[in-house]
Amino acid sequence: MPARLAASALVAFLAAAPGACAGAPPDGSGTEAAPAPPGDTAPAPAEASAPRADAGSRDPAEAPPMTDPSVLLVAAAPGPIAIGGPRTLIALEAAAGAEGAAADLAAGRPTGGDPALLVHDLRADAPPGVLFDLYLVGPEAEPPSARDARLVGSINFYGANPVRSGFERFELADALAELRRRGEVSAARLPSLLVVPQGTVAPGSAPALGRVELIVDR
C-alpha cells in the first residue's frame, strides 16, 4: 500500500477507536464523566447557629415588679412617716381585701410565700448622720435588747436629700417566728415596725419614710 494511503487509513482508525479521544478513562471503558454544571459545587458544612433569646422570657433571678400578681400586699402604713425621734412606732394596718392573709401571716398559718418588709422613698432635709435600725415588734412595742432576734435590718439616708426613690426590702420570716414564740402577735394582732436611730439624729434633718408595706412574695 502506498505510504500516503496507509497514513490516511491510520488517522481514520484512531478517530473512530474508543479511548482515542482526550478525557476517556484509562481503563478503556469509553465512558467519560460529565463535567459538573457551573455553580453546582458541594455546599460547605453549615455552621451551628447560636440559640436565639426569647424576647418574652424573664431572668428568674430578677426581682418581680410590685405590680406582679404574685406579690400580695398584706399590710401597710402610708407616709410620709417622720422618724426623727429616739423611737418611732409604726402600726401596720391590714390592706383592703387582705385581712385573712394578714391574720394567717401573724398567726403563722401558711400564706403560700415569703413575707418581706418594703420601706419606700426615704427622704430628709439634710443628712441625719446616723443609721436607723428596724424591728418587727408586737403592739406593746417591748423595747429591743442587744442582739434582739426581732431586728430585720438597718437603713441609711445617703442620697435621700430631698428624696431617694425606690424601696428597700427586708426578709421577715425569722422576726415573725420570734414574735410568735414571744406571743406578741396573733391572728387578731398584727406586728408593728419600730424604728430606732443608732445615735443622735442631726437637728433639722427631718428624716422620714415615704411608705411601709408588709408583703408576701409568692
Protein backbone atom coordinates (compact mmCIF):
# COMPACT_ATOMS: atom_id res chain seq x y z
CA MET A 1 0.00 0.00 0.00
CA PRO A 2 1.40 3.44 -0.78
CA ALA A 3 2.70 5.34 2.29
CA ARG A 4 0.24 8.24 1.83
CA LEU A 5 -2.77 5.90 1.74
CA ALA A 6 -1.54 3.98 4.83
CA ALA A 7 -1.20 7.20 6.85
CA SER A 8 -4.73 8.32 5.93
CA ALA A 9 -6.19 4.97 6.98
CA LEU A 10 -4.35 5.15 10.33
CA VAL A 11 -5.72 8.63 11.06
CA ALA A 12 -9.29 7.49 10.32
CA PHE A 13 -8.89 4.43 12.56
CA LEU A 14 -7.63 6.47 15.53
CA ALA A 15 -10.50 8.97 15.23
CA ALA A 16 -13.13 6.21 15.43
CA ALA A 17 -11.46 3.97 18.04
CA PRO A 18 -12.83 4.06 21.65
CA GLY A 19 -10.48 5.68 24.09
CA ALA A 20 -8.73 7.64 21.41
CA CYS A 21 -10.40 10.92 22.48
CA ALA A 22 -8.87 13.04 25.17
CA GLY A 23 -10.66 12.70 28.50
CA ALA A 24 -11.53 8.96 28.09
CA PRO A 25 -10.90 6.86 31.23
CA PRO A 26 -7.66 4.90 31.23
CA ASP A 27 -9.46 1.50 31.57
CA GLY A 28 -10.73 1.85 28.02
CA SER A 29 -14.38 1.65 29.01
CA GLY A 30 -15.21 4.53 26.73
CA THR A 31 -17.41 6.24 29.39
CA GLU A 32 -16.46 9.85 30.02
CA ALA A 33 -17.53 11.59 33.26
CA ALA A 34 -19.79 14.58 32.60
CA PRO A 35 -18.42 17.87 33.95
CA ALA A 36 -20.36 19.36 36.85
CA PRO A 37 -22.65 22.24 35.87
CA PRO A 38 -21.32 25.68 36.73
CA GLY A 39 -22.06 26.60 40.36
CA ASP A 40 -23.08 23.03 41.30
CA THR A 41 -20.31 22.57 43.84
CA ALA A 42 -20.79 20.74 47.15
CA PRO A 43 -22.04 23.10 49.85
CA ALA A 44 -19.75 23.85 52.78
CA PRO A 45 -20.85 22.34 56.14
CA ALA A 46 -23.39 24.63 57.78
CA GLU A 47 -22.26 26.36 60.97
CA ALA A 48 -24.37 25.81 64.05
CA SER A 49 -26.43 28.90 64.69
CA ALA A 50 -26.40 30.46 68.16
CA PRO A 51 -29.60 29.93 70.17
CA ARG A 52 -31.94 32.88 69.96
CA ALA A 53 -33.03 34.62 73.12
CA ASP A 54 -36.74 34.53 73.72
CA ALA A 55 -37.87 38.13 73.77
CA GLY A 56 -40.67 37.22 76.14
CA SER A 57 -38.51 35.43 78.71
CA ARG A 58 -37.52 36.97 82.06
CA ASP A 59 -34.45 36.30 84.15
CA PRO A 60 -35.67 34.10 87.02
CA ALA A 61 -33.30 35.92 89.35
CA GLU A 62 -34.83 39.26 88.53
CA ALA A 63 -36.93 40.72 91.29
CA PRO A 64 -40.63 40.89 90.32
CA PRO A 65 -42.17 44.34 89.92
CA MET A 66 -44.63 45.40 92.59
CA THR A 67 -47.43 45.19 90.01
CA ASP A 68 -46.75 41.46 89.66
CA PRO A 69 -49.89 39.50 90.68
CA SER A 70 -47.67 37.07 92.62
CA VAL A 71 -46.91 39.83 95.16
CA LEU A 72 -49.64 40.12 97.78
CA LEU A 73 -49.84 43.35 99.76
CA VAL A 74 -50.76 42.25 103.28
CA ALA A 75 -50.44 45.39 105.41
CA ALA A 76 -49.19 48.94 105.04
CA ALA A 77 -48.63 52.31 106.71
CA PRO A 78 -48.92 55.37 104.43
CA GLY A 79 -46.40 58.17 104.66
CA PRO A 80 -44.53 60.31 104.92
CA ILE A 81 -43.67 58.99 108.39
CA ALA A 82 -41.29 61.17 110.44
CA ILE A 83 -38.63 59.13 112.28
CA GLY A 84 -36.54 61.91 113.83
CA GLY A 85 -37.29 60.94 117.42
CA PRO A 86 -35.46 58.44 119.65
CA ARG A 87 -38.10 55.77 118.89
CA THR A 88 -40.84 55.66 116.26
CA LEU A 89 -43.56 53.01 116.39
CA ILE A 90 -45.39 52.45 113.09
CA ALA A 91 -48.62 50.45 113.22
CA LEU A 92 -49.27 48.24 110.18
CA GLU A 93 -52.90 48.00 109.10
CA ALA A 94 -54.26 45.12 107.02
CA ALA A 95 -54.67 46.06 103.36
CA ALA A 96 -58.15 46.11 101.87
CA GLY A 97 -59.12 42.60 100.82
CA ALA A 98 -56.11 41.05 102.59
CA GLU A 99 -57.47 40.80 106.12
CA GLY A 100 -57.48 37.00 106.01
CA ALA A 101 -53.92 36.85 104.69
CA ALA A 102 -52.77 39.30 107.37
CA ALA A 103 -54.31 37.14 110.10
CA ASP A 104 -52.74 33.99 108.63
CA LEU A 105 -49.32 35.65 108.47
CA ALA A 106 -49.43 36.87 112.06
CA ALA A 107 -50.71 33.52 113.34
CA GLY A 108 -48.11 31.52 111.46
CA ARG A 109 -50.52 29.79 109.12
CA PRO A 110 -49.34 29.06 105.53
CA THR A 111 -49.57 32.05 103.19
CA GLY A 112 -48.01 30.49 100.10
CA GLY A 113 -44.95 32.72 100.01
CA ASP A 114 -42.15 34.58 101.77
CA PRO A 115 -43.02 37.59 103.95
CA ALA A 116 -41.00 40.76 103.48
CA LEU A 117 -40.97 44.38 104.58
CA LEU A 118 -40.66 47.14 101.97
CA VAL A 119 -39.58 50.65 103.00
CA HIS A 120 -40.25 53.16 100.23
CA ASP A 121 -38.87 56.58 99.28
CA LEU A 122 -36.51 57.68 102.05
CA ARG A 123 -36.44 61.46 102.41
CA ALA A 124 -34.66 64.08 104.51
CA ASP A 125 -33.97 67.82 104.51
CA ALA A 126 -30.31 67.14 105.34
CA PRO A 127 -28.20 64.06 106.16
CA PRO A 128 -29.36 62.65 109.54
CA GLY A 129 -25.83 61.39 110.25
CA VAL A 130 -26.87 58.02 111.72
CA LEU A 131 -28.22 54.62 110.69
CA PHE A 132 -31.71 53.53 111.73
CA ASP A 133 -32.48 50.01 112.98
CA LEU A 134 -35.80 48.40 112.06
CA TYR A 135 -37.51 45.97 114.44
CA LEU A 136 -40.69 44.00 113.99
CA VAL A 137 -42.48 44.15 117.34
CA GLY A 138 -45.80 43.39 118.95
CA PRO A 139 -48.42 46.09 119.61
CA GLU A 140 -46.94 46.77 123.04
CA ALA A 141 -43.58 47.66 121.43
CA GLU A 142 -41.40 46.00 124.05
CA PRO A 143 -38.00 47.77 123.90
CA PRO A 144 -35.38 45.86 121.90
CA SER A 145 -32.31 44.48 123.58
CA ALA A 146 -28.80 43.76 122.33
CA ARG A 147 -28.75 41.06 119.62
CA ASP A 148 -32.56 41.14 119.52
CA ALA A 149 -33.95 38.49 117.14
CA ARG A 150 -36.68 40.92 116.08
CA LEU A 151 -34.17 43.12 114.22
CA VAL A 152 -34.86 42.94 110.48
CA GLY A 153 -32.19 45.35 109.22
CA SER A 154 -30.97 48.93 109.05
CA ILE A 155 -31.38 51.85 106.67
CA ASN A 156 -29.24 54.86 105.87
CA PHE A 157 -30.22 58.13 104.22
CA TYR A 158 -27.33 58.50 101.81
CA GLY A 159 -28.63 60.32 98.73
CA ALA A 160 -32.02 60.96 100.35
CA ASN A 161 -31.83 64.75 100.17
CA PRO A 162 -34.62 65.53 99.47
CA VAL A 163 -35.77 62.02 98.47
CA ARG A 164 -34.29 58.68 97.41
CA SER A 165 -36.93 56.98 95.30
CA GLY A 166 -37.41 53.21 95.31
CA PHE A 167 -37.69 50.71 98.11
CA GLU A 168 -35.52 48.60 100.38
CA ARG A 169 -36.56 45.02 101.11
CA PHE A 170 -36.09 43.09 104.36
CA GLU A 171 -36.94 39.42 104.94
CA LEU A 172 -39.27 38.81 107.89
CA ALA A 173 -39.52 35.04 108.45
CA ASP A 174 -37.12 34.97 111.44
CA ALA A 175 -38.55 38.07 113.11
CA LEU A 176 -42.12 36.80 112.76
CA ALA A 177 -41.12 33.42 114.21
CA GLU A 178 -39.60 35.24 117.21
CA LEU A 179 -42.75 37.30 117.71
CA ARG A 180 -44.90 34.18 117.71
CA ARG A 181 -42.54 32.50 120.17
CA ARG A 182 -42.95 35.50 122.49
CA GLY A 183 -46.72 35.53 121.98
CA GLU A 184 -46.61 39.13 120.77
CA VAL A 185 -48.68 38.59 117.63
CA SER A 186 -51.73 36.52 116.75
CA ALA A 187 -54.45 36.38 114.12
CA ALA A 188 -56.05 39.38 115.82
CA ARG A 189 -52.85 41.36 116.42
CA LEU A 190 -50.61 42.39 113.55
CA PRO A 191 -46.98 43.33 114.20
CA SER A 192 -45.73 46.91 114.19
CA LEU A 193 -42.48 48.41 112.91
CA LEU A 194 -40.19 50.06 115.44
CA VAL A 195 -37.53 52.46 114.10
CA VAL A 196 -34.60 53.29 116.41
CA PRO A 197 -31.67 55.55 115.39
CA GLN A 198 -28.20 54.31 116.30
CA GLY A 199 -27.28 57.70 117.74
CA THR A 200 -28.41 61.31 117.83
CA VAL A 201 -30.24 62.45 114.70
CA ALA A 202 -28.79 65.65 113.23
CA PRO A 203 -31.00 68.66 114.07
CA GLY A 204 -33.08 69.91 111.15
CA SER A 205 -32.52 66.77 109.04
CA ALA A 206 -36.19 65.65 109.33
CA PRO A 207 -35.75 62.03 108.15
CA ALA A 208 -38.94 60.31 107.01
CA LEU A 209 -40.18 57.15 105.30
CA GLY A 210 -42.37 57.52 102.24
CA ARG A 211 -44.40 54.34 102.85
CA VAL A 212 -44.06 50.98 104.62
CA GLU A 213 -45.52 47.72 103.27
CA LEU A 214 -45.73 44.16 104.52
CA ILE A 215 -45.99 41.76 101.57
CA VAL A 216 -46.00 38.07 100.72
CA ASP A 217 -43.87 37.36 97.64
CA ARG A 218 -45.27 34.20 96.05
